[in-house]
């Protein structure tokens, strides 16, 4: 005896193959699973980056002042000459 397993018709396979699954919003899935909002994370990163850049700007200003002071000291030393008392 043969098993009466129905064979899928070629028409049914063609219909299934032509169906495209709906687009998946990966960010929405991630947020739903983790409770983390990527926009909030991005805003936090931007804020921290801005803060660090402001600190870096202050440090660079201090470095510029130090370079100018050293250059001024070197000019004064050159003007005094090697025979001048210090």
C-alpha atoms as a PDB file:
ATOM      1  CA  UNK A   1       0.000   0.000   0.000  1.00  0.00           C
ATOM      2  CA  UNK A   2       1.119   3.468  -0.714  1.00  0.00           C
ATOM      3  CA  UNK A   3       0.813   6.388   1.632  1.00  0.00           C
ATOM      4  CA  UNK A   4      -1.796   8.831   0.337  1.00  0.00           C
ATOM      5  CA  UNK A   5       0.349  11.938   1.015  1.00  0.00           C
ATOM      6  CA  UNK A   6      -0.962  14.773  -1.081  1.00  0.00           C
ATOM      7  CA  UNK A   7       1.526  16.317  -3.451  1.00  0.00           C
ATOM      8  CA  UNK A   8       1.584  20.137  -3.503  1.00  0.00           C
ATOM      9  CA  UNK A   9       0.315  21.512  -6.728  1.00  0.00           C
ATOM     10  CA  UNK A  10       2.690  23.617  -8.829  1.00  0.00           C
ATOM     11  CA  UNK A  11       0.218  26.488  -8.619  1.00  0.00           C
ATOM     12  CA  UNK A  12       0.422  26.570  -4.802  1.00  0.00           C
ATOM     13  CA  UNK A  13       4.230  26.634  -4.852  1.00  0.00           C
ATOM     14  CA  UNK A  14       4.223  29.491  -7.321  1.00  0.00           C
ATOM     15  CA  UNK A  15       1.882  31.527  -5.143  1.00  0.00           C
ATOM     16  CA  UNK A  16       4.020  31.021  -2.042  1.00  0.00           C
ATOM     17  CA  UNK A  17       7.220  31.887  -3.873  1.00  0.00           C
ATOM     18  CA  UNK A  18       5.835  35.182  -5.150  1.00  0.00           C
ATOM     19  CA  UNK A  19       4.759  36.408  -1.709  1.00  0.00           C
ATOM     20  CA  UNK A  20       7.241  38.854  -0.194  1.00  0.00           C
ATOM     21  CA  UNK A  21       7.359  38.975   3.587  1.00  0.00           C
ATOM     22  CA  UNK A  22       6.450  42.348   5.082  1.00  0.00           C
ATOM     23  CA  UNK A  23       9.277  44.740   5.921  1.00  0.00           C
ATOM     24  CA  UNK A  24      10.531  44.440   9.473  1.00  0.00           C
ATOM     25  CA  UNK A  25      11.340  47.524  11.532  1.00  0.00           C
ATOM     26  CA  UNK A  26      14.407  46.232  13.345  1.00  0.00           C
ATOM     27  CA  UNK A  27      14.655  49.321  15.549  1.00  0.00           C
ATOM     28  CA  UNK A  28      11.084  48.836  16.774  1.00  0.00           C
ATOM     29  CA  UNK A  29      11.777  45.186  17.538  1.00  0.00           C
ATOM     30  CA  UNK A  30      14.973  46.071  19.412  1.00  0.00           C
ATOM     31  CA  UNK A  31      13.175  48.735  21.441  1.00  0.00           C
ATOM     32  CA  UNK A  32      10.305  46.394  22.249  1.00  0.00           C
ATOM     33  CA  UNK A  33      12.645  43.629  23.419  1.00  0.00           C
ATOM     34  CA  UNK A  34      15.157  45.742  25.325  1.00  0.00           C
ATOM     35  CA  UNK A  35      13.210  48.840  26.297  1.00  0.00           C
ATOM     36  CA  UNK A  36      16.089  50.936  24.931  1.00  0.00           C
ATOM     37  CA  UNK A  37      15.357  53.818  22.584  1.00  0.00           C
ATOM     38  CA  UNK A  38      18.140  54.281  20.028  1.00  0.00           C
ATOM     39  CA  UNK A  39      17.255  57.957  19.580  1.00  0.00           C
ATOM     40  CA  UNK A  40      17.855  58.549  23.281  1.00  0.00           C
ATOM     41  CA  UNK A  41      21.201  56.776  23.080  1.00  0.00           C
ATOM     42  CA  UNK A  42      22.221  58.857  20.063  1.00  0.00           C
ATOM     43  CA  UNK A  43      21.241  62.074  21.876  1.00  0.00           C
ATOM     44  CA  UNK A  44      23.280  61.030  24.918  1.00  0.00           C
ATOM     45  CA  UNK A  45      26.300  60.282  22.746  1.00  0.00           C
ATOM     46  CA  UNK A  46      26.002  63.648  20.988  1.00  0.00           C
ATOM     47  CA  UNK A  47      25.757  65.432  24.338  1.00  0.00           C
ATOM     48  CA  UNK A  48      28.805  63.641  25.735  1.00  0.00           C
ATOM     49  CA  UNK A  49      30.738  64.287  22.534  1.00  0.00           C
ATOM     50  CA  UNK A  50      29.885  67.995  22.666  1.00  0.00           C
ATOM     51  CA  UNK A  51      30.974  68.189  26.285  1.00  0.00           C
ATOM     52  CA  UNK A  52      34.286  66.485  25.535  1.00  0.00           C
ATOM     53  CA  UNK A  53      34.882  68.765  22.562  1.00  0.00           C
ATOM     54  CA  UNK A  54      34.353  71.824  24.791  1.00  0.00           C
ATOM     55  CA  UNK A  55      36.925  70.427  27.253  1.00  0.00           C
ATOM     56  CA  UNK A  56      39.318  69.785  24.392  1.00  0.00           C
ATOM     57  CA  UNK A  57      38.886  73.365  23.136  1.00  0.00           C
ATOM     58  CA  UNK A  58      39.791  74.702  26.605  1.00  0.00           C
ATOM     59  CA  UNK A  59      42.841  72.447  26.740  1.00  0.00           C
ATOM     60  CA  UNK A  60      43.973  73.621  23.304  1.00  0.00           C
ATOM     61  CA  UNK A  61      43.577  77.256  24.352  1.00  0.00           C
ATOM     62  CA  UNK A  62      45.785  76.571  27.370  1.00  0.00           C
ATOM     63  CA  UNK A  63      48.313  74.844  25.144  1.00  0.00           C
ATOM     64  CA  UNK A  64      48.371  77.847  22.776  1.00  0.00           C
ATOM     65  CA  UNK A  65      48.998  80.161  25.737  1.00  0.00           C
ATOM     66  CA  UNK A  66      51.832  77.931  26.946  1.00  0.00           C
ATOM     67  CA  UNK A  67      53.430  77.841  23.476  1.00  0.00           C
ATOM     68  CA  UNK A  68      53.213  81.637  23.221  1.00  0.00           C
ATOM     69  CA  UNK A  69      54.819  82.017  26.664  1.00  0.00           C
ATOM     70  CA  UNK A  70      57.651  79.642  25.777  1.00  0.00           C
ATOM     71  CA  UNK A  71      58.240  81.415  22.456  1.00  0.00           C
ATOM     72  CA  UNK A  72      58.345  84.758  24.277  1.00  0.00           C
ATOM     73  CA  UNK A  73      60.827  83.382  26.827  1.00  0.00           C
ATOM     74  CA  UNK A  74      63.022  82.049  24.010  1.00  0.00           C
ATOM     75  CA  UNK A  75      62.992  85.438  22.237  1.00  0.00           C
ATOM     76  CA  UNK A  76      63.988  87.158  25.490  1.00  0.00           C
ATOM     77  CA  UNK A  77      66.827  84.692  25.971  1.00  0.00           C
ATOM     78  CA  UNK A  78      68.045  85.254  22.384  1.00  0.00           C
ATOM     79  CA  UNK A  79      67.921  89.053  22.866  1.00  0.00           C
ATOM     80  CA  UNK A  80      69.941  88.855  26.070  1.00  0.00           C
ATOM     81  CA  UNK A  81      72.690  86.953  24.270  1.00  0.00           C
ATOM     82  CA  UNK A  82      75.070  84.378  25.684  1.00  0.00           C
ATOM     83  CA  UNK A  83      77.242  86.989  27.490  1.00  0.00           C
ATOM     84  CA  UNK A  84      74.380  88.587  29.425  1.00  0.00           C
ATOM     85  CA  UNK A  85      74.012  87.683  33.103  1.00  0.00           C
ATOM     86  CA  UNK A  86      70.910  85.766  33.927  1.00  0.00           C
END
